[in-house]
């Protein structure tokens, strides 16, 4: 009954910002490494960012500091702040959780982000 539900996707123009949110249920995210991945049209899924239970973060080099991942363990949510969006950021963005003990991975259904003029 673990469930990850993303929200906040939509259509924005280049240069604008967007914040995605992932709400978790059936799990306590403080016991997981949380992350965001994305998959653009005709492309492979790629890592965007991860955040450990203690708050340490890692980002894909291609994000170039434009994206920020954060977590609110009390609310059991993870967010992705995306700034200076570019057309190449267009993708379905997926929330991910990895149990560090079992190495099981859980995925949300994804939310569409489209950056276009």
PDB file of N, CA and C in Angstrom:
ATOM      1  N   UNK A   1       0.800  -1.212   0.000  1.00  0.00           N
ATOM      2  CA  UNK A   1       0.000   0.000   0.000  1.00  0.00           C
ATOM      3  C   UNK A   1       0.844   1.278   0.000  1.00  0.00           C
ATOM      4  N   UNK A   2       2.119   1.121  -0.297  1.00  0.00           N
ATOM      5  CA  UNK A   2       2.960   2.301  -0.475  1.00  0.00           C
ATOM      6  C   UNK A   2       2.481   3.053  -1.704  1.00  0.00           C
ATOM      7  N   UNK A   3       2.338   4.342  -1.559  1.00  0.00           N
ATOM      8  CA  UNK A   3       1.864   5.153  -2.670  1.00  0.00           C
ATOM      9  C   UNK A   3       2.590   6.490  -2.688  1.00  0.00           C
ATOM     10  N   UNK A   4       3.047   6.869  -3.866  1.00  0.00           N
ATOM     11  CA  UNK A   4       3.663   8.162  -4.095  1.00  0.00           C
ATOM     12  C   UNK A   4       2.846   8.877  -5.154  1.00  0.00           C
ATOM     13  N   UNK A   5       2.401  10.080  -4.849  1.00  0.00           N
ATOM     14  CA  UNK A   5       1.544  10.822  -5.754  1.00  0.00           C
ATOM     15  C   UNK A   5       2.164  12.182  -6.023  1.00  0.00           C
ATOM     16  N   UNK A   6       2.514  12.405  -7.283  1.00  0.00           N
ATOM     17  CA  UNK A   6       3.094  13.680  -7.684  1.00  0.00           C
ATOM     18  C   UNK A   6       2.001  14.666  -8.064  1.00  0.00           C
ATOM     19  N   UNK A   7       2.305  15.931  -7.901  1.00  0.00           N
ATOM     20  CA  UNK A   7       1.412  16.992  -8.324  1.00  0.00           C
ATOM     21  C   UNK A   7       2.232  18.233  -8.638  1.00  0.00           C
ATOM     22  N   UNK A   8       1.616  19.169  -9.316  1.00  0.00           N
ATOM     23  CA  UNK A   8       2.257  20.438  -9.598  1.00  0.00           C
ATOM     24  C   UNK A   8       2.746  20.617 -11.012  1.00  0.00           C
ATOM     25  N   UNK A   9       2.655  19.584 -11.822  1.00  0.00           N
ATOM     26  CA  UNK A   9       3.078  19.707 -13.202  1.00  0.00           C
ATOM     27  C   UNK A   9       2.134  20.583 -13.992  1.00  0.00           C
ATOM     28  N   UNK A  10       2.584  20.971 -15.171  1.00  0.00           N
ATOM     29  CA  UNK A  10       1.759  21.807 -16.018  1.00  0.00           C
ATOM     30  C   UNK A  10       2.546  22.394 -17.163  1.00  0.00           C
ATOM     31  N   UNK A  11       1.935  23.350 -17.828  1.00  0.00           N
ATOM     32  CA  UNK A  11       2.537  24.030 -18.967  1.00  0.00           C
ATOM     33  C   UNK A  11       3.063  25.390 -18.530  1.00  0.00           C
ATOM     34  N   UNK A  12       4.340  25.630 -18.783  1.00  0.00           N
ATOM     35  CA  UNK A  12       4.956  26.910 -18.459  1.00  0.00           C
ATOM     36  C   UNK A  12       5.805  27.371 -19.627  1.00  0.00           C
ATOM     37  N   UNK A  13       6.106  28.651 -19.637  1.00  0.00           N
ATOM     38  CA  UNK A  13       6.965  29.214 -20.672  1.00  0.00           C
ATOM     39  C   UNK A  13       8.426  29.138 -20.252  1.00  0.00           C
ATOM     40  N   UNK A  14       9.341  29.128 -21.210  1.00  0.00           N
ATOM     41  CA  UNK A  14      10.761  29.118 -20.870  1.00  0.00           C
ATOM     42  C   UNK A  14      11.120  30.266 -19.930  1.00  0.00           C
ATOM     43  N   UNK A  15      11.965  29.954 -18.950  1.00  0.00           N
ATOM     44  CA  UNK A  15      12.384  30.938 -17.972  1.00  0.00           C
ATOM     45  C   UNK A  15      11.535  30.986 -16.725  1.00  0.00           C
ATOM     46  N   UNK A  16      10.377  30.387 -16.762  1.00  0.00           N
ATOM     47  CA  UNK A  16       9.496  30.384 -15.607  1.00  0.00           C
ATOM     48  C   UNK A  16       9.874  29.281 -14.633  1.00  0.00           C
ATOM     49  N   UNK A  17       9.202  29.274 -13.497  1.00  0.00           N
ATOM     50  CA  UNK A  17       9.473  28.316 -12.434  1.00  0.00           C
ATOM     51  C   UNK A  17       8.260  27.451 -12.158  1.00  0.00           C
ATOM     52  N   UNK A  18       8.526  26.319 -11.555  1.00  0.00           N
ATOM     53  CA  UNK A  18       7.472  25.388 -11.210  1.00  0.00           C
ATOM     54  C   UNK A  18       7.923  24.573 -10.007  1.00  0.00           C
ATOM     55  N   UNK A  19       6.996  24.272  -9.126  1.00  0.00           N
ATOM     56  CA  UNK A  19       7.298  23.441  -7.971  1.00  0.00           C
ATOM     57  C   UNK A  19       6.464  22.177  -8.018  1.00  0.00           C
ATOM     58  N   UNK A  20       7.131  21.052  -7.983  1.00  0.00           N
ATOM     59  CA  UNK A  20       6.473  19.760  -7.935  1.00  0.00           C
ATOM     60  C   UNK A  20       6.455  19.248  -6.501  1.00  0.00           C
ATOM     61  N   UNK A  21       5.429  18.491  -6.188  1.00  0.00           N
ATOM     62  CA  UNK A  21       5.314  17.924  -4.860  1.00  0.00           C
ATOM     63  C   UNK A  21       5.001  16.435  -4.964  1.00  0.00           C
ATOM     64  N   UNK A  22       5.515  15.684  -4.024  1.00  0.00           N
ATOM     65  CA  UNK A  22       5.268  14.248  -3.946  1.00  0.00           C
ATOM     66  C   UNK A  22       4.759  13.933  -2.548  1.00  0.00           C
ATOM     67  N   UNK A  23       3.550  13.422  -2.481  1.00  0.00           N
ATOM     68  CA  UNK A  23       2.954  13.032  -1.212  1.00  0.00           C
ATOM     69  C   UNK A  23       3.037  11.524  -1.058  1.00  0.00           C
ATOM     70  N   UNK A  24       3.594  11.083   0.048  1.00  0.00           N
ATOM     71  CA  UNK A  24       3.781   9.662   0.294  1.00  0.00           C
ATOM     72  C   UNK A  24       2.782   9.155   1.318  1.00  0.00           C
ATOM     73  N   UNK A  25       2.318   7.959   1.113  1.00  0.00           N
ATOM     74  CA  UNK A  25       1.448   7.292   2.066  1.00  0.00           C
ATOM     75  C   UNK A  25       1.850   5.829   2.159  1.00  0.00           C
ATOM     76  N   UNK A  26       1.500   5.213   3.269  1.00  0.00           N
ATOM     77  CA  UNK A  26       1.870   3.827   3.474  1.00  0.00           C
ATOM     78  C   UNK A  26       3.340   3.628   3.766  1.00  0.00           C
ATOM     79  N   UNK A  27       4.020   4.706   4.067  1.00  0.00           N
ATOM     80  CA  UNK A  27       5.443   4.666   4.344  1.00  0.00           C
ATOM     81  C   UNK A  27       5.830   5.911   5.115  1.00  0.00           C
ATOM     82  N   UNK A  28       6.969   5.854   5.759  1.00  0.00           N
ATOM     83  CA  UNK A  28       7.541   7.004   6.455  1.00  0.00           C
ATOM     84  C   UNK A  28       8.804   7.386   5.703  1.00  0.00           C
ATOM     85  N   UNK A  29       8.781   8.546   5.060  1.00  0.00           N
ATOM     86  CA  UNK A  29       9.857   8.857   4.134  1.00  0.00           C
ATOM     87  C   UNK A  29      11.193   9.080   4.820  1.00  0.00           C
ATOM     88  N   UNK A  30      11.185   9.327   6.111  1.00  0.00           N
ATOM     89  CA  UNK A  30      12.455   9.527   6.811  1.00  0.00           C
ATOM     90  C   UNK A  30      13.325   8.278   6.771  1.00  0.00           C
ATOM     91  N   UNK A  31      12.733   7.132   6.465  1.00  0.00           N
ATOM     92  CA  UNK A  31      13.476   5.890   6.355  1.00  0.00           C
ATOM     93  C   UNK A  31      13.930   5.615   4.919  1.00  0.00           C
ATOM     94  N   UNK A  32      13.730   6.564   4.021  1.00  0.00           N
ATOM     95  CA  UNK A  32      14.018   6.363   2.617  1.00  0.00           C
ATOM     96  C   UNK A  32      14.899   7.468   2.056  1.00  0.00           C
ATOM     97  N   UNK A  33      15.666   7.097   1.059  1.00  0.00           N
ATOM     98  CA  UNK A  33      16.267   8.087   0.186  1.00  0.00           C
ATOM     99  C   UNK A  33      15.208   8.452  -0.853  1.00  0.00           C
ATOM    100  N   UNK A  34      14.909   9.720  -0.964  1.00  0.00           N
ATOM    101  CA  UNK A  34      13.892  10.184  -1.896  1.00  0.00           C
ATOM    102  C   UNK A  34      14.551  10.815  -3.112  1.00  0.00           C
ATOM    103  N   UNK A  35      13.847  10.758  -4.218  1.00  0.00           N
ATOM    104  CA  UNK A  35      14.417  11.326  -5.425  1.00  0.00           C
ATOM    105  C   UNK A  35      13.375  11.720  -6.451  1.00  0.00           C
ATOM    106  N   UNK A  36      13.849  12.467  -7.418  1.00  0.00           N
ATOM    107  CA  UNK A  36      13.059  12.818  -8.588  1.00  0.00           C
ATOM    108  C   UNK A  36      13.800  12.359  -9.836  1.00  0.00           C
ATOM    109  N   UNK A  37      13.064  11.752 -10.732  1.00  0.00           N
ATOM    110  CA  UNK A  37      13.568  11.340 -12.029  1.00  0.00           C
ATOM    111  C   UNK A  37      12.656  11.917 -13.096  1.00  0.00           C
ATOM    112  N   UNK A  38      13.136  11.911 -14.314  1.00  0.00           N
ATOM    113  CA  UNK A  38      12.297  12.393 -15.401  1.00  0.00           C
ATOM    114  C   UNK A  38      12.565  11.600 -16.665  1.00  0.00           C
ATOM    115  N   UNK A  39      11.583  11.604 -17.531  1.00  0.00           N
ATOM    116  CA  UNK A  39      11.709  10.940 -18.816  1.00  0.00           C
ATOM    117  C   UNK A  39      11.067  11.817 -19.881  1.00  0.00           C
ATOM    118  N   UNK A  40      11.887  12.342 -20.762  1.00  0.00           N
ATOM    119  CA  UNK A  40      11.399  13.161 -21.848  1.00  0.00           C
ATOM    120  C   UNK A  40      10.967  12.316 -23.030  1.00  0.00           C
ATOM    121  N   UNK A  41      10.283  12.937 -23.984  1.00  0.00           N
ATOM    122  CA  UNK A  41       9.820  12.205 -25.175  1.00  0.00           C
ATOM    123  C   UNK A  41      10.978  11.556 -25.919  1.00  0.00           C
ATOM    124  N   UNK A  42      10.879  10.262 -26.140  1.00  0.00           N
ATOM    125  CA  UNK A  42      11.908   9.546 -26.865  1.00  0.00           C
ATOM    126  C   UNK A  42      13.228   9.411 -26.137  1.00  0.00           C
ATOM    127  N   UNK A  43      13.243   9.681 -24.850  1.00  0.00           N
ATOM    128  CA  UNK A  43      14.470   9.629 -24.068  1.00  0.00           C
ATOM    129  C   UNK A  43      14.356   8.618 -22.936  1.00  0.00           C
ATOM    130  N   UNK A  44      15.495   8.248 -22.390  1.00  0.00           N
ATOM    131  CA  UNK A  44      15.525   7.345 -21.254  1.00  0.00           C
ATOM    132  C   UNK A  44      15.253   8.104 -19.958  1.00  0.00           C
ATOM    133  N   UNK A  45      14.796   7.375 -18.973  1.00  0.00           N
ATOM    134  CA  UNK A  45      14.618   7.960 -17.656  1.00  0.00           C
ATOM    135  C   UNK A  45      15.973   8.396 -17.107  1.00  0.00           C
ATOM    136  N   UNK A  46      16.020   9.555 -16.501  1.00  0.00           N
ATOM    137  CA  UNK A  46      17.256  10.063 -15.952  1.00  0.00           C
ATOM    138  C   UNK A  46      17.047  10.620 -14.552  1.00  0.00           C
ATOM    139  N   UNK A  47      18.090  10.549 -13.782  1.00  0.00           N
ATOM    140  CA  UNK A  47      18.066  11.094 -12.430  1.00  0.00           C
ATOM    141  C   UNK A  47      18.057  12.613 -12.473  1.00  0.00           C
ATOM    142  N   UNK A  48      17.219  13.204 -11.644  1.00  0.00           N
ATOM    143  CA  UNK A  48      17.212  14.648 -11.459  1.00  0.00           C
ATOM    144  C   UNK A  48      17.940  15.009 -10.170  1.00  0.00           C
ATOM    145  N   UNK A  49      17.477  14.445  -9.060  1.00  0.00           N
ATOM    146  CA  UNK A  49      18.068  14.747  -7.767  1.00  0.00           C
ATOM    147  C   UNK A  49      17.638  13.714  -6.747  1.00  0.00           C
ATOM    148  N   UNK A  50      18.436  13.560  -5.702  1.00  0.00           N
ATOM    149  CA  UNK A  50      18.076  12.718  -4.569  1.00  0.00           C
ATOM    150  C   UNK A  50      18.332  13.477  -3.280  1.00  0.00           C
ATOM    151  N   UNK A  51      17.651  13.048  -2.241  1.00  0.00           N
ATOM    152  CA  UNK A  51      17.849  13.633  -0.925  1.00  0.00           C
ATOM    153  C   UNK A  51      17.770  12.530   0.116  1.00  0.00           C
ATOM    154  N   UNK A  52      18.780  12.460   0.954  1.00  0.00           N
ATOM    155  CA  UNK A  52      18.846  11.450   1.992  1.00  0.00           C
ATOM    156  C   UNK A  52      17.990  11.857   3.185  1.00  0.00           C
ATOM    157  N   UNK A  53      17.820  10.926   4.105  1.00  0.00           N
ATOM    158  CA  UNK A  53      16.945  11.173   5.249  1.00  0.00           C
ATOM    159  C   UNK A  53      17.412  12.356   6.081  1.00  0.00           C
ATOM    160  N   UNK A  54      18.722  12.555   6.146  1.00  0.00           N
ATOM    161  CA  UNK A  54      19.261  13.660   6.905  1.00  0.00           C
ATOM    162  C   UNK A  54      19.304  14.978   6.166  1.00  0.00           C
ATOM    163  N   UNK A  55      18.918  14.967   4.890  1.00  0.00           N
ATOM    164  CA  UNK A  55      18.853  16.195   4.124  1.00  0.00           C
ATOM    165  C   UNK A  55      19.961  16.402   3.109  1.00  0.00           C
ATOM    166  N   UNK A  56      20.944  15.516   3.073  1.00  0.00           N
ATOM    167  CA  UNK A  56      22.008  15.640   2.084  1.00  0.00           C
ATOM    168  C   UNK A  56      21.442  15.426   0.686  1.00  0.00           C
ATOM    169  N   UNK A  57      21.882  16.243  -0.257  1.00  0.00           N
ATOM    170  CA  UNK A  57      21.331  16.203  -1.608  1.00  0.00           C
ATOM    171  C   UNK A  57      22.400  15.920  -2.643  1.00  0.00           C
ATOM    172  N   UNK A  58      21.952  15.359  -3.752  1.00  0.00           N
ATOM    173  CA  UNK A  58      22.784  15.158  -4.923  1.00  0.00           C
ATOM    174  C   UNK A  58      21.960  15.503  -6.148  1.00  0.00           C
ATOM    175  N   UNK A  59      22.618  16.128  -7.117  1.00  0.00           N
ATOM    176  CA  UNK A  59      21.950  16.548  -8.332  1.00  0.00           C
ATOM    177  C   UNK A  59      22.684  16.048  -9.552  1.00  0.00           C
ATOM    178  N   UNK A  60      21.931  15.753 -10.586  1.00  0.00           N
ATOM    179  CA  UNK A  60      22.549  15.466 -11.863  1.00  0.00           C
ATOM    180  C   UNK A  60      23.261  16.715 -12.361  1.00  0.00           C
ATOM    181  N   UNK A  61      24.434  16.523 -12.952  1.00  0.00           N
ATOM    182  CA  UNK A  61      25.220  17.671 -13.410  1.00  0.00           C
ATOM    183  C   UNK A  61      24.450  18.535 -14.392  1.00  0.00           C
ATOM    184  N   UNK A  62      23.611  17.903 -15.188  1.00  0.00           N
ATOM    185  CA  UNK A  62      22.883  18.637 -16.215  1.00  0.00           C
ATOM    186  C   UNK A  62      21.864  19.624 -15.662  1.00  0.00           C
ATOM    187  N   UNK A  63      21.544  19.506 -14.399  1.00  0.00           N
ATOM    188  CA  UNK A  63      20.564  20.425 -13.815  1.00  0.00           C
ATOM    189  C   UNK A  63      21.153  21.802 -13.543  1.00  0.00           C
ATOM    190  N   UNK A  64      22.463  21.876 -13.446  1.00  0.00           N
ATOM    191  CA  UNK A  64      23.208  23.139 -13.389  1.00  0.00           C
ATOM    192  C   UNK A  64      22.726  24.106 -12.317  1.00  0.00           C
ATOM    193  N   UNK A  65      22.280  23.561 -11.197  1.00  0.00           N
ATOM    194  CA  UNK A  65      21.889  24.396 -10.087  1.00  0.00           C
ATOM    195  C   UNK A  65      20.515  25.016 -10.188  1.00  0.00           C
ATOM    196  N   UNK A  66      19.776  24.717 -11.231  1.00  0.00           N
ATOM    197  CA  UNK A  66      18.456  25.305 -11.412  1.00  0.00           C
ATOM    198  C   UNK A  66      17.377  24.633 -10.573  1.00  0.00           C
ATOM    199  N   UNK A  67      17.610  23.384 -10.214  1.00  0.00           N
ATOM    200  CA  UNK A  67      16.607  22.613  -9.487  1.00  0.00           C
ATOM    201  C   UNK A  67      17.040  22.419  -8.037  1.00  0.00           C
ATOM    202  N   UNK A  68      16.062  22.380  -7.148  1.00  0.00           N
ATOM    203  CA  UNK A  68      16.322  22.153  -5.739  1.00  0.00           C
ATOM    204  C   UNK A  68      15.339  21.131  -5.191  1.00  0.00           C
ATOM    205  N   UNK A  69      15.867  20.083  -4.595  1.00  0.00           N
ATOM    206  CA  UNK A  69      15.038  19.076  -3.964  1.00  0.00           C
ATOM    207  C   UNK A  69      15.002  19.329  -2.463  1.00  0.00           C
ATOM    208  N   UNK A  70      13.858  19.090  -1.868  1.00  0.00           N
ATOM    209  CA  UNK A  70      13.715  19.260  -0.431  1.00  0.00           C
ATOM    210  C   UNK A  70      12.720  18.237   0.098  1.00  0.00           C
ATOM    211  N   UNK A  71      12.753  18.037   1.391  1.00  0.00           N
ATOM    212  CA  UNK A  71      11.816  17.101   2.000  1.00  0.00           C
ATOM    213  C   UNK A  71      11.283  17.664   3.300  1.00  0.00           C
ATOM    214  N   UNK A  72      10.056  17.303   3.597  1.00  0.00           N
ATOM    215  CA  UNK A  72       9.421  17.659   4.848  1.00  0.00           C
ATOM    216  C   UNK A  72       8.974  16.353   5.476  1.00  0.00           C
ATOM    217  N   UNK A  73       9.800  15.818   6.349  1.00  0.00           N
ATOM    218  CA  UNK A  73       9.500  14.519   6.930  1.00  0.00           C
ATOM    219  C   UNK A  73       8.224  14.536   7.771  1.00  0.00           C
ATOM    220  N   UNK A  74       7.944  15.662   8.403  1.00  0.00           N
ATOM    221  CA  UNK A  74       6.739  15.758   9.212  1.00  0.00           C
ATOM    222  C   UNK A  74       5.485  15.646   8.355  1.00  0.00           C
ATOM    223  N   UNK A  75       5.531  16.213   7.171  1.00  0.00           N
ATOM    224  CA  UNK A  75       4.394  16.155   6.254  1.00  0.00           C
ATOM    225  C   UNK A  75       4.473  14.975   5.300  1.00  0.00           C
ATOM    226  N   UNK A  76       5.589  14.249   5.357  1.00  0.00           N
ATOM    227  CA  UNK A  76       5.772  13.087   4.498  1.00  0.00           C
ATOM    228  C   UNK A  76       5.710  13.474   3.015  1.00  0.00           C
ATOM    229  N   UNK A  77       6.378  14.557   2.689  1.00  0.00           N
ATOM    230  CA  UNK A  77       6.379  15.047   1.317  1.00  0.00           C
ATOM    231  C   UNK A  77       7.787  15.387   0.857  1.00  0.00           C
ATOM    232  N   UNK A  78       7.950  15.357  -0.444  1.00  0.00           N
ATOM    233  CA  UNK A  78       9.193  15.748  -1.096  1.00  0.00           C
ATOM    234  C   UNK A  78       8.838  16.708  -2.216  1.00  0.00           C
ATOM    235  N   UNK A  79       9.641  17.740  -2.384  1.00  0.00           N
ATOM    236  CA  UNK A  79       9.369  18.742  -3.396  1.00  0.00           C
ATOM    237  C   UNK A  79      10.552  18.895  -4.336  1.00  0.00           C
ATOM    238  N   UNK A  80      10.259  19.427  -5.498  1.00  0.00           N
ATOM    239  CA  UNK A  80      11.283  19.770  -6.471  1.00  0.00           C
ATOM    240  C   UNK A  80      10.977  21.163  -6.996  1.00  0.00           C
ATOM    241  N   UNK A  81      11.818  22.111  -6.641  1.00  0.00           N
ATOM    242  CA  UNK A  81      11.692  23.468  -7.141  1.00  0.00           C
ATOM    243  C   UNK A  81      12.502  23.584  -8.423  1.00  0.00           C
ATOM    244  N   UNK A  82      11.848  23.972  -9.491  1.00  0.00           N
ATOM    245  CA  UNK A  82      12.484  24.070 -10.790  1.00  0.00           C
ATOM    246  C   UNK A  82      12.439  25.520 -11.251  1.00  0.00           C
ATOM    247  N   UNK A  83      13.607  26.092 -11.447  1.00  0.00           N
ATOM    248  CA  UNK A  83      13.719  27.476 -11.877  1.00  0.00           C
ATOM    249  C   UNK A  83      14.350  27.554 -13.262  1.00  0.00           C
ATOM    250  N   UNK A  84      14.134  28.675 -13.910  1.00  0.00           N
ATOM    251  CA  UNK A  84      14.714  28.925 -15.229  1.00  0.00           C
ATOM    252  C   UNK A  84      14.489  27.750 -16.173  1.00  0.00           C
ATOM    253  N   UNK A  85      13.266  27.338 -16.259  1.00  0.00           N
ATOM    254  CA  UNK A  85      12.937  26.153 -17.041  1.00  0.00           C
ATOM    255  C   UNK A  85      13.215  26.363 -18.520  1.00  0.00           C
ATOM    256  N   UNK A  86      13.652  25.291 -19.146  1.00  0.00           N
ATOM    257  CA  UNK A  86      13.994  25.287 -20.557  1.00  0.00           C
ATOM    258  C   UNK A  86      13.132  24.263 -21.286  1.00  0.00           C
ATOM    259  N   UNK A  87      12.966  24.429 -22.589  1.00  0.00           N
ATOM    260  CA  UNK A  87      12.181  23.436 -23.336  1.00  0.00           C
ATOM    261  C   UNK A  87      12.687  22.011 -23.153  1.00  0.00           C
ATOM    262  N   UNK A  88      13.989  21.835 -23.005  1.00  0.00           N
ATOM    263  CA  UNK A  88      14.538  20.502 -22.828  1.00  0.00           C
ATOM    264  C   UNK A  88      14.205  19.886 -21.473  1.00  0.00           C
ATOM    265  N   UNK A  89      13.610  20.670 -20.577  1.00  0.00           N
ATOM    266  CA  UNK A  89      13.135  20.136 -19.307  1.00  0.00           C
ATOM    267  C   UNK A  89      11.782  19.451 -19.444  1.00  0.00           C
ATOM    268  N   UNK A  90      11.179  19.569 -20.601  1.00  0.00           N
ATOM    269  CA  UNK A  90       9.895  18.923 -20.835  1.00  0.00           C
ATOM    270  C   UNK A  90      10.024  17.418 -20.639  1.00  0.00           C
ATOM    271  N   UNK A  91       9.210  16.875 -19.751  1.00  0.00           N
ATOM    272  CA  UNK A  91       9.301  15.456 -19.416  1.00  0.00           C
ATOM    273  C   UNK A  91       8.195  15.100 -18.440  1.00  0.00           C
ATOM    274  N   UNK A  92       8.030  13.812 -18.243  1.00  0.00           N
ATOM    275  CA  UNK A  92       7.239  13.323 -17.128  1.00  0.00           C
ATOM    276  C   UNK A  92       8.180  13.170 -15.946  1.00  0.00           C
ATOM    277  N   UNK A  93       7.822  13.778 -14.841  1.00  0.00           N
ATOM    278  CA  UNK A  93       8.654  13.749 -13.651  1.00  0.00           C
ATOM    279  C   UNK A  93       8.078  12.763 -12.648  1.00  0.00           C
ATOM    280  N   UNK A  94       8.944  11.888 -12.151  1.00  0.00           N
ATOM    281  CA  UNK A  94       8.538  10.820 -11.257  1.00  0.00           C
ATOM    282  C   UNK A  94       9.180  10.956  -9.890  1.00  0.00           C
ATOM    283  N   UNK A  95       8.392  10.754  -8.873  1.00  0.00           N
ATOM    284  CA  UNK A  95       8.890  10.683  -7.513  1.00  0.00           C
ATOM    285  C   UNK A  95       9.353   9.260  -7.226  1.00  0.00           C
ATOM    286  N   UNK A  96      10.439   9.142  -6.494  1.00  0.00           N
ATOM    287  CA  UNK A  96      11.041   7.846  -6.216  1.00  0.00           C
ATOM    288  C   UNK A  96      11.435   7.755  -4.752  1.00  0.00           C
ATOM    289  N   UNK A  97      11.276   6.568  -4.190  1.00  0.00           N
ATOM    290  CA  UNK A  97      11.695   6.305  -2.822  1.00  0.00           C
ATOM    291  C   UNK A  97      12.434   4.984  -2.779  1.00  0.00           C
ATOM    292  N   UNK A  98      13.563   4.967  -2.112  1.00  0.00           N
ATOM    293  CA  UNK A  98      14.365   3.755  -1.986  1.00  0.00           C
ATOM    294  C   UNK A  98      14.576   3.445  -0.514  1.00  0.00           C
ATOM    295  N   UNK A  99      14.150   2.266  -0.124  1.00  0.00           N
ATOM    296  CA  UNK A  99      14.368   1.774   1.226  1.00  0.00           C
ATOM    297  C   UNK A  99      15.820   1.334   1.329  1.00  0.00           C
ATOM    298  N   UNK A 100      16.575   1.981   2.174  1.00  0.00           N
ATOM    299  CA  UNK A 100      18.004   1.698   2.249  1.00  0.00           C
ATOM    300  C   UNK A 100      18.298   0.342   2.850  1.00  0.00           C
ATOM    301  N   UNK A 101      17.345  -0.247   3.542  1.00  0.00           N
ATOM    302  CA  UNK A 101      17.560  -1.549   4.154  1.00  0.00           C
ATOM    303  C   UNK A 101      17.262  -2.695   3.196  1.00  0.00           C
ATOM    304  N   UNK A 102      16.169  -2.596   2.480  1.00  0.00           N
ATOM    305  CA  UNK A 102      15.765  -3.648   1.554  1.00  0.00           C
ATOM    306  C   UNK A 102      16.143  -3.355   0.112  1.00  0.00           C
ATOM    307  N   UNK A 103      16.497  -2.120  -0.171  1.00  0.00           N
ATOM    308  CA  UNK A 103      16.813  -1.653  -1.517  1.00  0.00           C
ATOM    309  C   UNK A 103      15.603  -1.685  -2.455  1.00  0.00           C
ATOM    310  N   UNK A 104      14.427  -1.816  -1.894  1.00  0.00           N
ATOM    311  CA  UNK A 104      13.220  -1.730  -2.705  1.00  0.00           C
ATOM    312  C   UNK A 104      12.995  -0.298  -3.160  1.00  0.00           C
ATOM    313  N   UNK A 105      12.546  -0.165  -4.380  1.00  0.00           N
ATOM    314  CA  UNK A 105      12.264   1.139  -4.953  1.00  0.00           C
ATOM    315  C   UNK A 105      10.778   1.275  -5.251  1.00  0.00           C
ATOM    316  N   UNK A 106      10.242   2.444  -4.967  1.00  0.00           N
ATOM    317  CA  UNK A 106       8.846   2.744  -5.224  1.00  0.00           C
ATOM    318  C   UNK A 106       8.764   3.979  -6.102  1.00  0.00           C
ATOM    319  N   UNK A 107       7.748   3.995  -6.946  1.00  0.00           N
ATOM    320  CA  UNK A 107       7.596   5.070  -7.919  1.00  0.00           C
ATOM    321  C   UNK A 107       6.198   5.639  -7.913  1.00  0.00           C
ATOM    322  N   UNK A 108       6.112   6.928  -8.169  1.00  0.00           N
ATOM    323  CA  UNK A 108       4.834   7.556  -8.383  1.00  0.00           C
ATOM    324  C   UNK A 108       4.382   7.386  -9.818  1.00  0.00           C
ATOM    325  N   UNK A 109       3.204   7.901 -10.120  1.00  0.00           N
ATOM    326  CA  UNK A 109       2.644   7.753 -11.459  1.00  0.00           C
ATOM    327  C   UNK A 109       3.194   8.773 -12.442  1.00  0.00           C
ATOM    328  N   UNK A 110       3.824   9.805 -11.940  1.00  0.00           N
ATOM    329  CA  UNK A 110       4.413  10.828 -12.779  1.00  0.00           C
ATOM    330  C   UNK A 110       3.505  12.021 -12.980  1.00  0.00           C
ATOM    331  N   UNK A 111       4.117  13.159 -13.221  1.00  0.00           N
ATOM    332  CA  UNK A 111       3.384  14.376 -13.542  1.00  0.00           C
ATOM    333  C   UNK A 111       4.068  15.061 -14.715  1.00  0.00           C
ATOM    334  N   UNK A 112       3.279  15.512 -15.661  1.00  0.00           N
ATOM    335  CA  UNK A 112       3.807  16.075 -16.896  1.00  0.00           C
ATOM    336  C   UNK A 112       4.220  17.524 -16.704  1.00  0.00           C
ATOM    337  N   UNK A 113       5.431  17.825 -17.119  1.00  0.00           N
ATOM    338  CA  UNK A 113       5.921  19.196 -17.170  1.00  0.00           C
ATOM    339  C   UNK A 113       6.237  19.530 -18.619  1.00  0.00           C
ATOM    340  N   UNK A 114       5.614  20.570 -19.124  1.00  0.00           N
ATOM    341  CA  UNK A 114       5.843  21.000 -20.491  1.00  0.00           C
ATOM    342  C   UNK A 114       6.315  22.443 -20.490  1.00  0.00           C
ATOM    343  N   UNK A 115       7.462  22.679 -21.092  1.00  0.00           N
ATOM    344  CA  UNK A 115       8.043  24.013 -21.176  1.00  0.00           C
ATOM    345  C   UNK A 115       8.043  24.414 -22.648  1.00  0.00           C
ATOM    346  N   UNK A 116       7.214  25.367 -22.971  1.00  0.00           N
ATOM    347  CA  UNK A 116       7.051  25.746 -24.368  1.00  0.00           C
ATOM    348  C   UNK A 116       6.509  27.155 -24.465  1.00  0.00           C
ATOM    349  N   UNK A 117       6.898  27.831 -25.538  1.00  0.00           N
ATOM    350  CA  UNK A 117       6.355  29.143 -25.823  1.00  0.00           C
ATOM    351  C   UNK A 117       5.026  29.050 -26.544  1.00  0.00           C
TER     352      UNK A 117
END
